[in-house]
Every structure is written in structure tokens, then in C-alpha cells.
PDB file of all heavy atoms in Angstrom:
ATOM      1  N   ALA A   1       0.833  -1.203   0.000  1.00  0.00           N
ATOM      2  CA  ALA A   1       0.000   0.000   0.000  1.00  0.00           C
ATOM      3  C   ALA A   1       0.870   1.256   0.000  1.00  0.00           C
ATOM      4  O   ALA A   1       0.561   2.232  -0.689  1.00  0.00           O
ATOM      5  CB  ALA A   1      -0.931  -0.003   1.201  1.00  0.00           C
ATOM      6  N   LYS A   2       1.956   1.213   0.750  1.00  0.00           N
ATOM      7  CA  LYS A   2       2.854   2.365   0.782  1.00  0.00           C
ATOM      8  C   LYS A   2       3.457   2.625  -0.601  1.00  0.00           C
ATOM      9  O   LYS A   2       3.581   3.776  -1.025  1.00  0.00           O
ATOM     10  CB  LYS A   2       3.964   2.164   1.804  1.00  0.00           C
ATOM     11  CG  LYS A   2       3.487   2.288   3.231  1.00  0.00           C
ATOM     12  CD  LYS A   2       4.618   2.055   4.201  1.00  0.00           C
ATOM     13  CE  LYS A   2       4.140   2.127   5.632  1.00  0.00           C
ATOM     14  NZ  LYS A   2       5.216   1.909   6.599  1.00  0.00           N
ATOM     15  N   LEU A   3       3.814   1.568  -1.298  1.00  0.00           N
ATOM     16  CA  LEU A   3       4.371   1.750  -2.640  1.00  0.00           C
ATOM     17  C   LEU A   3       3.322   2.327  -3.591  1.00  0.00           C
ATOM     18  O   LEU A   3       3.655   3.121  -4.478  1.00  0.00           O
ATOM     19  CB  LEU A   3       4.930   0.436  -3.172  1.00  0.00           C
ATOM     20  CG  LEU A   3       6.218  -0.012  -2.489  1.00  0.00           C
ATOM     21  CD1 LEU A   3       6.555  -1.452  -2.847  1.00  0.00           C
ATOM     22  CD2 LEU A   3       7.379   0.910  -2.850  1.00  0.00           C
ATOM     23  N   LEU A   4       2.061   1.965  -3.405  1.00  0.00           N
ATOM     24  CA  LEU A   4       0.999   2.553  -4.214  1.00  0.00           C
ATOM     25  C   LEU A   4       0.768   4.018  -3.838  1.00  0.00           C
ATOM     26  O   LEU A   4       0.557   4.866  -4.703  1.00  0.00           O
ATOM     27  CB  LEU A   4      -0.298   1.758  -4.053  1.00  0.00           C
ATOM     28  CG  LEU A   4      -0.305   0.366  -4.677  1.00  0.00           C
ATOM     29  CD1 LEU A   4      -1.571  -0.384  -4.276  1.00  0.00           C
ATOM     30  CD2 LEU A   4      -0.185   0.448  -6.183  1.00  0.00           C
ATOM     31  N   LEU A   5       0.815   4.319  -2.535  1.00  0.00           N
ATOM     32  CA  LEU A   5       0.629   5.698  -2.073  1.00  0.00           C
ATOM     33  C   LEU A   5       1.774   6.615  -2.507  1.00  0.00           C
ATOM     34  O   LEU A   5       1.595   7.825  -2.604  1.00  0.00           O
ATOM     35  CB  LEU A   5       0.505   5.731  -0.548  1.00  0.00           C
ATOM     36  CG  LEU A   5      -0.784   5.168   0.018  1.00  0.00           C
ATOM     37  CD1 LEU A   5      -0.678   5.006   1.523  1.00  0.00           C
ATOM     38  CD2 LEU A   5      -1.954   6.063  -0.342  1.00  0.00           C
ATOM     39  N   LEU A   6       2.915   6.028  -2.756  1.00  0.00           N
ATOM     40  CA  LEU A   6       4.071   6.825  -3.166  1.00  0.00           C
ATOM     41  C   LEU A   6       3.776   7.612  -4.443  1.00  0.00           C
ATOM     42  O   LEU A   6       4.299   8.703  -4.634  1.00  0.00           O
ATOM     43  CB  LEU A   6       5.292   5.917  -3.363  1.00  0.00           C
ATOM     44  CG  LEU A   6       6.627   6.591  -3.571  1.00  0.00           C
ATOM     45  CD1 LEU A   6       6.985   7.494  -2.393  1.00  0.00           C
ATOM     46  CD2 LEU A   6       7.714   5.543  -3.789  1.00  0.00           C
ATOM     47  N   HIS A   7       2.879   7.095  -5.292  1.00  0.00           N
ATOM     48  CA  HIS A   7       2.499   7.796  -6.528  1.00  0.00           C
ATOM     49  C   HIS A   7       1.871   9.156  -6.246  1.00  0.00           C
ATOM     50  O   HIS A   7       1.924  10.041  -7.089  1.00  0.00           O
ATOM     51  CB  HIS A   7       1.524   6.950  -7.354  1.00  0.00           C
ATOM     52  CG  HIS A   7       2.172   5.803  -8.046  1.00  0.00           C
ATOM     53  ND1 HIS A   7       2.760   5.922  -9.278  1.00  0.00           N
ATOM     54  CD2 HIS A   7       2.347   4.517  -7.676  1.00  0.00           C
ATOM     55  CE1 HIS A   7       3.254   4.761  -9.646  1.00  0.00           C
ATOM     56  NE2 HIS A   7       3.025   3.881  -8.682  1.00  0.00           N
ATOM     57  N   SER A   8       1.278   9.320  -5.062  1.00  0.00           N
ATOM     58  CA  SER A   8       0.616  10.585  -4.744  1.00  0.00           C
ATOM     59  C   SER A   8       1.572  11.648  -4.207  1.00  0.00           C
ATOM     60  O   SER A   8       1.206  12.819  -4.151  1.00  0.00           O
ATOM     61  CB  SER A   8      -0.516  10.353  -3.740  1.00  0.00           C
ATOM     62  OG  SER A   8       0.022   9.928  -2.501  1.00  0.00           O
ATOM     63  N   VAL A   9       2.796  11.252  -3.813  1.00  0.00           N
ATOM     64  CA  VAL A   9       3.719  12.233  -3.234  1.00  0.00           C
ATOM     65  C   VAL A   9       5.060  12.322  -3.962  1.00  0.00           C
ATOM     66  O   VAL A   9       5.865  13.182  -3.648  1.00  0.00           O
ATOM     67  CB  VAL A   9       3.973  11.947  -1.734  1.00  0.00           C
ATOM     68  CG1 VAL A   9       2.694  12.081  -0.933  1.00  0.00           C
ATOM     69  CG2 VAL A   9       4.599  10.594  -1.527  1.00  0.00           C
ATOM     70  N   ALA A  10       5.285  11.439  -4.916  1.00  0.00           N
ATOM     71  CA  ALA A  10       6.540  11.452  -5.676  1.00  0.00           C
ATOM     72  C   ALA A  10       6.188  11.443  -7.164  1.00  0.00           C
ATOM     73  O   ALA A  10       5.068  11.064  -7.537  1.00  0.00           O
ATOM     74  CB  ALA A  10       7.387  10.218  -5.330  1.00  0.00           C
ATOM     75  N   PRO A  11       7.114  11.853  -8.000  1.00  0.00           N
ATOM     76  CA  PRO A  11       6.847  11.774  -9.444  1.00  0.00           C
ATOM     77  C   PRO A  11       6.480  10.338  -9.842  1.00  0.00           C
ATOM     78  O   PRO A  11       7.043   9.375  -9.300  1.00  0.00           O
ATOM     79  CB  PRO A  11       8.173  12.199 -10.076  1.00  0.00           C
ATOM     80  CG  PRO A  11       8.847  13.028  -9.027  1.00  0.00           C
ATOM     81  CD  PRO A  11       8.424  12.431  -7.713  1.00  0.00           C
ATOM     82  N   PRO A  12       5.540  10.180 -10.763  1.00  0.00           N
ATOM     83  CA  PRO A  12       5.082   8.838 -11.145  1.00  0.00           C
ATOM     84  C   PRO A  12       6.212   7.897 -11.572  1.00  0.00           C
ATOM     85  O   PRO A  12       6.204   6.720 -11.211  1.00  0.00           O
ATOM     86  CB  PRO A  12       4.116   9.093 -12.303  1.00  0.00           C
ATOM     87  CG  PRO A  12       3.662  10.495 -12.119  1.00  0.00           C
ATOM     88  CD  PRO A  12       4.798  11.227 -11.481  1.00  0.00           C
ATOM     89  N   GLU A  13       7.182   8.388 -12.303  1.00  0.00           N
ATOM     90  CA  GLU A  13       8.278   7.534 -12.749  1.00  0.00           C
ATOM     91  C   GLU A  13       9.131   7.065 -11.566  1.00  0.00           C
ATOM     92  O   GLU A  13       9.564   5.919 -11.513  1.00  0.00           O
ATOM     93  CB  GLU A  13       9.149   8.267 -13.775  1.00  0.00           C
ATOM     94  CG  GLU A  13      10.301   7.451 -14.302  1.00  0.00           C
ATOM     95  CD  GLU A  13       9.896   6.188 -15.055  1.00  0.00           C
ATOM     96  OE1 GLU A  13       8.725   6.047 -15.447  1.00  0.00           O
ATOM     97  OE2 GLU A  13      10.765   5.315 -15.232  1.00  0.00           O
ATOM     98  N   THR A  14       9.350   7.940 -10.609  1.00  0.00           N
ATOM     99  CA  THR A  14      10.108   7.571  -9.413  1.00  0.00           C
ATOM    100  C   THR A  14       9.355   6.516  -8.618  1.00  0.00           C
ATOM    101  O   THR A  14       9.943   5.526  -8.159  1.00  0.00           O
ATOM    102  CB  THR A  14      10.375   8.809  -8.540  1.00  0.00           C
ATOM    103  OG1 THR A  14      11.107   9.758  -9.307  1.00  0.00           O
ATOM    104  CG2 THR A  14      11.152   8.458  -7.290  1.00  0.00           C
ATOM    105  N   ALA A  15       8.058   6.697  -8.451  1.00  0.00           N
ATOM    106  CA  ALA A  15       7.234   5.730  -7.719  1.00  0.00           C
ATOM    107  C   ALA A  15       7.229   4.381  -8.441  1.00  0.00           C
ATOM    108  O   ALA A  15       7.318   3.327  -7.799  1.00  0.00           O
ATOM    109  CB  ALA A  15       5.817   6.260  -7.556  1.00  0.00           C
ATOM    110  N   ARG A  16       7.126   4.394  -9.754  1.00  0.00           N
ATOM    111  CA  ARG A  16       7.138   3.154 -10.521  1.00  0.00           C
ATOM    112  C   ARG A  16       8.466   2.425 -10.366  1.00  0.00           C
ATOM    113  O   ARG A  16       8.514   1.220 -10.144  1.00  0.00           O
ATOM    114  CB  ARG A  16       6.877   3.433 -12.005  1.00  0.00           C
ATOM    115  CG  ARG A  16       6.760   2.155 -12.850  1.00  0.00           C
ATOM    116  CD  ARG A  16       7.004   2.399 -14.324  1.00  0.00           C
ATOM    117  NE  ARG A  16       8.326   2.906 -14.631  1.00  0.00           N
ATOM    118  CZ  ARG A  16       9.462   2.175 -14.617  1.00  0.00           C
ATOM    119  NH1 ARG A  16       9.442   0.922 -14.268  1.00  0.00           N
ATOM    120  NH2 ARG A  16      10.616   2.733 -14.936  1.00  0.00           N
ATOM    121  N   ARG A  17       9.553   3.172 -10.450  1.00  0.00           N
ATOM    122  CA  ARG A  17      10.883   2.574 -10.294  1.00  0.00           C
ATOM    123  C   ARG A  17      11.074   2.000  -8.892  1.00  0.00           C
ATOM    124  O   ARG A  17      11.672   0.935  -8.724  1.00  0.00           O
ATOM    125  CB  ARG A  17      11.963   3.613 -10.594  1.00  0.00           C
ATOM    126  CG  ARG A  17      12.073   3.927 -12.067  1.00  0.00           C
ATOM    127  CD  ARG A  17      13.037   5.066 -12.383  1.00  0.00           C
ATOM    128  NE  ARG A  17      14.286   4.967 -11.663  1.00  0.00           N
ATOM    129  CZ  ARG A  17      14.924   6.014 -11.139  1.00  0.00           C
ATOM    130  NH1 ARG A  17      14.417   7.235 -11.234  1.00  0.00           N
ATOM    131  NH2 ARG A  17      16.075   5.855 -10.518  1.00  0.00           N
ATOM    132  N   ALA A  18      10.569   2.697  -7.879  1.00  0.00           N
ATOM    133  CA  ALA A  18      10.690   2.208  -6.504  1.00  0.00           C
ATOM    134  C   ALA A  18       9.938   0.892  -6.337  1.00  0.00           C
ATOM    135  O   ALA A  18      10.446  -0.053  -5.723  1.00  0.00           O
ATOM    136  CB  ALA A  18      10.167   3.252  -5.519  1.00  0.00           C
ATOM    137  N   LYS A  19       8.738   0.821  -6.887  1.00  0.00           N
ATOM    138  CA  LYS A  19       7.951  -0.409  -6.780  1.00  0.00           C
ATOM    139  C   LYS A  19       8.644  -1.556  -7.517  1.00  0.00           C
ATOM    140  O   LYS A  19       8.714  -2.684  -7.005  1.00  0.00           O
ATOM    141  CB  LYS A  19       6.549  -0.178  -7.337  1.00  0.00           C
ATOM    142  CG  LYS A  19       5.643  -1.358  -7.169  1.00  0.00           C
ATOM    143  CD  LYS A  19       4.247  -1.061  -7.685  1.00  0.00           C
ATOM    144  CE  LYS A  19       3.374  -2.294  -7.531  1.00  0.00           C
ATOM    145  NZ  LYS A  19       2.079  -2.112  -8.154  1.00  0.00           N
ATOM    146  N   ALA A  20       9.163  -1.284  -8.701  1.00  0.00           N
ATOM    147  CA  ALA A  20       9.844  -2.323  -9.479  1.00  0.00           C
ATOM    148  C   ALA A  20      11.107  -2.801  -8.767  1.00  0.00           C
ATOM    149  O   ALA A  20      11.368  -4.009  -8.682  1.00  0.00           O
ATOM    150  CB  ALA A  20      10.176  -1.799 -10.874  1.00  0.00           C
ATOM    151  N   LEU A  21      11.888  -1.876  -8.224  1.00  0.00           N
ATOM    152  CA  LEU A  21      13.113  -2.249  -7.527  1.00  0.00           C
ATOM    153  C   LEU A  21      12.784  -3.050  -6.271  1.00  0.00           C
ATOM    154  O   LEU A  21      13.434  -4.060  -5.983  1.00  0.00           O
ATOM    155  CB  LEU A  21      13.944  -1.018  -7.170  1.00  0.00           C
ATOM    156  CG  LEU A  21      15.238  -1.311  -6.418  1.00  0.00           C
ATOM    157  CD1 LEU A  21      16.176  -2.181  -7.260  1.00  0.00           C
ATOM    158  CD2 LEU A  21      15.924  -0.009  -6.025  1.00  0.00           C
ATOM    159  N   TRP A  22      11.773  -2.632  -5.531  1.00  0.00           N
ATOM    160  CA  TRP A  22      11.389  -3.348  -4.318  1.00  0.00           C
ATOM    161  C   TRP A  22      11.023  -4.792  -4.665  1.00  0.00           C
ATOM    162  O   TRP A  22      11.419  -5.728  -3.966  1.00  0.00           O
ATOM    163  CB  TRP A  22      10.231  -2.640  -3.627  1.00  0.00           C
ATOM    164  CG  TRP A  22       9.863  -3.255  -2.325  1.00  0.00           C
ATOM    165  CD1 TRP A  22      10.401  -2.978  -1.101  1.00  0.00           C
ATOM    166  CD2 TRP A  22       8.888  -4.280  -2.105  1.00  0.00           C
ATOM    167  NE1 TRP A  22       9.819  -3.769  -0.142  1.00  0.00           N
ATOM    168  CE2 TRP A  22       8.888  -4.573  -0.730  1.00  0.00           C
ATOM    169  CE3 TRP A  22       8.018  -4.965  -2.942  1.00  0.00           C
ATOM    170  CZ2 TRP A  22       8.043  -5.526  -0.170  1.00  0.00           C
ATOM    171  CZ3 TRP A  22       7.179  -5.922  -2.380  1.00  0.00           C
ATOM    172  CH2 TRP A  22       7.210  -6.185  -1.010  1.00  0.00           C
ATOM    173  N   ALA A  23      10.282  -4.989  -5.753  1.00  0.00           N
ATOM    174  CA  ALA A  23       9.881  -6.334  -6.166  1.00  0.00           C
ATOM    175  C   ALA A  23      11.106  -7.180  -6.537  1.00  0.00           C
ATOM    176  O   ALA A  23      11.206  -8.349  -6.150  1.00  0.00           O
ATOM    177  CB  ALA A  23       8.905  -6.258  -7.337  1.00  0.00           C
ATOM    178  N   GLN A  24      12.043  -6.599  -7.275  1.00  0.00           N
ATOM    179  CA  GLN A  24      13.256  -7.328  -7.657  1.00  0.00           C
ATOM    180  C   GLN A  24      14.093  -7.689  -6.437  1.00  0.00           C
ATOM    181  O   GLN A  24      14.590  -8.818  -6.321  1.00  0.00           O
ATOM    182  CB  GLN A  24      14.082  -6.496  -8.637  1.00  0.00           C
ATOM    183  CG  GLN A  24      13.426  -6.344  -9.982  1.00  0.00           C
ATOM    184  CD  GLN A  24      14.118  -5.302 -10.847  1.00  0.00           C
ATOM    185  OE1 GLN A  24      14.668  -4.327 -10.344  1.00  0.00           O
ATOM    186  NE2 GLN A  24      14.086  -5.510 -12.145  1.00  0.00           N
ATOM    187  N   LEU A  25      14.252  -6.741  -5.532  1.00  0.00           N
ATOM    188  CA  LEU A  25      15.038  -7.008  -4.325  1.00  0.00           C
ATOM    189  C   LEU A  25      14.362  -8.048  -3.439  1.00  0.00           C
ATOM    190  O   LEU A  25      15.040  -8.871  -2.813  1.00  0.00           O
ATOM    191  CB  LEU A  25      15.269  -5.713  -3.545  1.00  0.00           C
ATOM    192  CG  LEU A  25      16.191  -4.702  -4.230  1.00  0.00           C
ATOM    193  CD1 LEU A  25      16.143  -3.369  -3.501  1.00  0.00           C
ATOM    194  CD2 LEU A  25      17.609  -5.234  -4.317  1.00  0.00           C
ATOM    195  N   SER A  26      13.044  -8.030  -3.392  1.00  0.00           N
ATOM    196  CA  SER A  26      12.320  -9.029  -2.603  1.00  0.00           C
ATOM    197  C   SER A  26      12.580 -10.427  -3.139  1.00  0.00           C
ATOM    198  O   SER A  26      12.799 -11.364  -2.369  1.00  0.00           O
ATOM    199  CB  SER A  26      10.817  -8.735  -2.610  1.00  0.00           C
ATOM    200  OG  SER A  26      10.560  -7.557  -1.880  1.00  0.00           O
ATOM    201  N   LEU A  27      12.548 -10.577  -4.436  1.00  0.00           N
ATOM    202  CA  LEU A  27      12.863 -11.878  -5.034  1.00  0.00           C
ATOM    203  C   LEU A  27      14.317 -12.245  -4.782  1.00  0.00           C
ATOM    204  O   LEU A  27      14.640 -13.402  -4.516  1.00  0.00           O
ATOM    205  CB  LEU A  27      12.582 -11.855  -6.535  1.00  0.00           C
ATOM    206  CG  LEU A  27      11.116 -11.842  -6.953  1.00  0.00           C
ATOM    207  CD1 LEU A  27      10.998 -11.660  -8.465  1.00  0.00           C
ATOM    208  CD2 LEU A  27      10.417 -13.110  -6.511  1.00  0.00           C
ATOM    209  N   GLY A  28      15.196 -11.258  -4.856  1.00  0.00           N
ATOM    210  CA  GLY A  28      16.624 -11.508  -4.691  1.00  0.00           C
ATOM    211  C   GLY A  28      17.033 -11.922  -3.296  1.00  0.00           C
ATOM    212  O   GLY A  28      18.026 -12.619  -3.126  1.00  0.00           O
ATOM    213  N   CYS A  29      16.286 -11.514  -2.290  1.00  0.00           N
ATOM    214  CA  CYS A  29      16.717 -11.834  -0.924  1.00  0.00           C
ATOM    215  C   CYS A  29      16.048 -13.085  -0.372  1.00  0.00           C
ATOM    216  O   CYS A  29      16.349 -13.500   0.743  1.00  0.00           O
ATOM    217  CB  CYS A  29      16.527 -10.641   0.016  1.00  0.00           C
ATOM    218  SG  CYS A  29      14.850 -10.138   0.335  1.00  0.00           S
ATOM    219  N   HIS A  30      15.193 -13.716  -1.147  1.00  0.00           N
ATOM    220  CA  HIS A  30      14.556 -14.955  -0.699  1.00  0.00           C
ATOM    221  C   HIS A  30      15.182 -16.161  -1.377  1.00  0.00           C
ATOM    222  O   HIS A  30      15.451 -16.146  -2.572  1.00  0.00           O
ATOM    223  CB  HIS A  30      13.052 -14.922  -0.982  1.00  0.00           C
ATOM    224  CG  HIS A  30      12.324 -14.001  -0.073  1.00  0.00           C
ATOM    225  ND1 HIS A  30      12.238 -12.657  -0.313  1.00  0.00           N
ATOM    226  CD2 HIS A  30      11.681 -14.223   1.085  1.00  0.00           C
ATOM    227  CE1 HIS A  30      11.559 -12.094   0.665  1.00  0.00           C
ATOM    228  NE2 HIS A  30      11.210 -13.017   1.527  1.00  0.00           N
ATOM    229  N   TYR A  31      15.387 -17.194  -0.605  1.00  0.00           N
ATOM    230  CA  TYR A  31      15.982 -18.422  -1.110  1.00  0.00           C
ATOM    231  C   TYR A  31      14.897 -19.347  -1.652  1.00  0.00           C
ATOM    232  O   TYR A  31      13.916 -19.617  -0.967  1.00  0.00           O
ATOM    233  CB  TYR A  31      16.745 -19.139   0.015  1.00  0.00           C
ATOM    234  CG  TYR A  31      17.306 -20.467  -0.408  1.00  0.00           C
ATOM    235  CD1 TYR A  31      18.442 -20.530  -1.194  1.00  0.00           C
ATOM    236  CD2 TYR A  31      16.684 -21.649  -0.047  1.00  0.00           C
ATOM    237  CE1 TYR A  31      18.956 -21.740  -1.606  1.00  0.00           C
ATOM    238  CE2 TYR A  31      17.195 -22.870  -0.449  1.00  0.00           C
ATOM    239  CZ  TYR A  31      18.324 -22.904  -1.233  1.00  0.00           C
ATOM    240  OH  TYR A  31      18.831 -24.106  -1.645  1.00  0.00           O
ATOM    241  N   HIS A  32      15.079 -19.799  -2.891  1.00  0.00           N
ATOM    242  CA  HIS A  32      14.168 -20.759  -3.497  1.00  0.00           C
ATOM    243  C   HIS A  32      15.004 -21.889  -4.083  1.00  0.00           C
ATOM    244  O   HIS A  32      15.966 -21.632  -4.813  1.00  0.00           O
ATOM    245  CB  HIS A  32      13.359 -20.115  -4.615  1.00  0.00           C
ATOM    246  CG  HIS A  32      12.520 -18.972  -4.155  1.00  0.00           C
ATOM    247  ND1 HIS A  32      11.629 -18.338  -4.953  1.00  0.00           N
ATOM    248  CD2 HIS A  32      12.433 -18.326  -2.969  1.00  0.00           C
ATOM    249  CE1 HIS A  32      11.019 -17.366  -4.306  1.00  0.00           C
ATOM    250  NE2 HIS A  32      11.505 -17.338  -3.090  1.00  0.00           N
ATOM    251  N   LEU A  33      14.640 -23.117  -3.790  1.00  0.00           N
ATOM    252  CA  LEU A  33      15.374 -24.269  -4.298  1.00  0.00           C
ATOM    253  C   LEU A  33      15.394 -24.336  -5.823  1.00  0.00           C
ATOM    254  O   LEU A  33      16.336 -24.832  -6.421  1.00  0.00           O
ATOM    255  CB  LEU A  33      14.773 -25.565  -3.752  1.00  0.00           C
ATOM    256  CG  LEU A  33      15.039 -25.872  -2.287  1.00  0.00           C
ATOM    257  CD1 LEU A  33      14.250 -27.087  -1.851  1.00  0.00           C
ATOM    258  CD2 LEU A  33      16.517 -26.094  -2.059  1.00  0.00           C
ATOM    259  N   TYR A  34      14.354 -23.853  -6.437  1.00  0.00           N
ATOM    260  CA  TYR A  34      14.195 -23.982  -7.881  1.00  0.00           C
ATOM    261  C   TYR A  34      14.793 -22.809  -8.671  1.00  0.00           C
ATOM    262  O   TYR A  34      14.661 -22.758  -9.873  1.00  0.00           O
ATOM    263  CB  TYR A  34      12.713 -24.132  -8.235  1.00  0.00           C
ATOM    264  CG  TYR A  34      11.846 -23.048  -7.637  1.00  0.00           C
ATOM    265  CD1 TYR A  34      11.653 -21.837  -8.286  1.00  0.00           C
ATOM    266  CD2 TYR A  34      11.237 -23.235  -6.405  1.00  0.00           C
ATOM    267  CE1 TYR A  34      10.878 -20.847  -7.739  1.00  0.00           C
ATOM    268  CE2 TYR A  34      10.454 -22.250  -5.844  1.00  0.00           C
ATOM    269  CZ  TYR A  34      10.269 -21.066  -6.520  1.00  0.00           C
ATOM    270  OH  TYR A  34       9.494 -20.074  -5.961  1.00  0.00           O
ATOM    271  N   GLU A  35      15.431 -21.877  -7.998  1.00  0.00           N
ATOM    272  CA  GLU A  35      16.018 -20.716  -8.665  1.00  0.00           C
ATOM    273  C   GLU A  35      17.453 -20.503  -8.232  1.00  0.00           C
ATOM    274  O   GLU A  35      17.827 -20.795  -7.099  1.00  0.00           O
ATOM    275  CB  GLU A  35      15.252 -19.431  -8.318  1.00  0.00           C
ATOM    276  CG  GLU A  35      13.901 -19.316  -8.900  1.00  0.00           C
ATOM    277  CD  GLU A  35      13.236 -17.989  -8.539  1.00  0.00           C
ATOM    278  OE1 GLU A  35      13.580 -17.389  -7.513  1.00  0.00           O
ATOM    279  OE2 GLU A  35      12.359 -17.591  -9.304  1.00  0.00           O
ATOM    280  N   LEU A  36      18.230 -19.980  -9.161  1.00  0.00           N
ATOM    281  CA  LEU A  36      19.550 -19.512  -8.785  1.00  0.00           C
ATOM    282  C   LEU A  36      19.378 -18.161  -8.098  1.00  0.00           C
ATOM    283  O   LEU A  36      18.455 -17.411  -8.412  1.00  0.00           O
ATOM    284  CB  LEU A  36      20.429 -19.339 -10.023  1.00  0.00           C
ATOM    285  CG  LEU A  36      20.750 -20.616 -10.792  1.00  0.00           C
ATOM    286  CD1 LEU A  36      21.478 -20.263 -12.085  1.00  0.00           C
ATOM    287  CD2 LEU A  36      21.577 -21.548  -9.950  1.00  0.00           C
ATOM    288  N   GLY A  37      20.247 -17.844  -7.188  1.00  0.00           N
ATOM    289  CA  GLY A  37      20.191 -16.546  -6.522  1.00  0.00           C
ATOM    290  C   GLY A  37      20.620 -15.443  -7.471  1.00  0.00           C
ATOM    291  O   GLY A  37      21.075 -15.691  -8.595  1.00  0.00           O
ATOM    292  N   PRO A  38      20.495 -14.210  -7.040  1.00  0.00           N
ATOM    293  CA  PRO A  38      20.905 -13.093  -7.898  1.00  0.00           C
ATOM    294  C   PRO A  38      22.419 -13.105  -8.111  1.00  0.00           C
ATOM    295  O   PRO A  38      23.183 -13.500  -7.233  1.00  0.00           O
ATOM    296  CB  PRO A  38      20.465 -11.856  -7.110  1.00  0.00           C
ATOM    297  CG  PRO A  38      20.396 -12.307  -5.690  1.00  0.00           C
ATOM    298  CD  PRO A  38      20.021 -13.759  -5.733  1.00  0.00           C
ATOM    299  N   THR A  39      22.826 -12.668  -9.266  1.00  0.00           N
ATOM    300  CA  THR A  39      24.252 -12.595  -9.574  1.00  0.00           C
ATOM    301  C   THR A  39      24.841 -11.295  -9.048  1.00  0.00           C
ATOM    302  O   THR A  39      24.112 -10.351  -8.726  1.00  0.00           O
ATOM    303  CB  THR A  39      24.504 -12.661 -11.093  1.00  0.00           C
ATOM    304  OG1 THR A  39      23.944 -11.479 -11.695  1.00  0.00           O
ATOM    305  CG2 THR A  39      23.878 -13.906 -11.716  1.00  0.00           C
ATOM    306  N   TYR A  40      26.147 -11.259  -9.008  1.00  0.00           N
ATOM    307  CA  TYR A  40      26.854 -10.049  -8.580  1.00  0.00           C
ATOM    308  C   TYR A  40      26.435  -8.863  -9.449  1.00  0.00           C
ATOM    309  O   TYR A  40      26.140  -7.784  -8.933  1.00  0.00           O
ATOM    310  CB  TYR A  40      28.366 -10.284  -8.675  1.00  0.00           C
ATOM    311  CG  TYR A  40      29.186  -9.064  -8.366  1.00  0.00           C
ATOM    312  CD1 TYR A  40      29.535  -8.751  -7.061  1.00  0.00           C
ATOM    313  CD2 TYR A  40      29.602  -8.203  -9.384  1.00  0.00           C
ATOM    314  CE1 TYR A  40      30.275  -7.627  -6.761  1.00  0.00           C
ATOM    315  CE2 TYR A  40      30.351  -7.074  -9.092  1.00  0.00           C
ATOM    316  CZ  TYR A  40      30.681  -6.789  -7.790  1.00  0.00           C
ATOM    317  OH  TYR A  40      31.411  -5.668  -7.500  1.00  0.00           O
ATOM    318  N   ASP A  41      26.407  -9.079 -10.762  1.00  0.00           N
ATOM    319  CA  ASP A  41      26.064  -7.983 -11.678  1.00  0.00           C
ATOM    320  C   ASP A  41      24.640  -7.486 -11.459  1.00  0.00           C
ATOM    321  O   ASP A  41      24.390  -6.275 -11.505  1.00  0.00           O
ATOM    322  CB  ASP A  41      26.251  -8.418 -13.132  1.00  0.00           C
ATOM    323  CG  ASP A  41      27.712  -8.627 -13.488  1.00  0.00           C
ATOM    324  OD1 ASP A  41      28.584  -8.020 -12.828  1.00  0.00           O
ATOM    325  OD2 ASP A  41      27.991  -9.399 -14.427  1.00  0.00           O
TER     326      ASP A  41
END
């Protein structure tokens, strides 16, 4: 909800990028047997 509310107080592109980055980082910090972890790059 906070990431959605961010659109009302930050530029739309910044809010979109924040939501996308948060989603990528969330996947990156969780361990799944069926996936390789994130690479250094």
C-alpha cells in the first residue's frame, strides 16, 4: 500500500521505479530451491 501511495507524493516515474526495484530485491533476498540466486552484476 505504501508503494501505491508513493504515486501521490513522488513523481510517477520515481514511484514506478521504486515499486519495481522493491519487487526485484524481494525476489533476490529470498531463497528458493528452484532458482539460482541473484548474480553479482
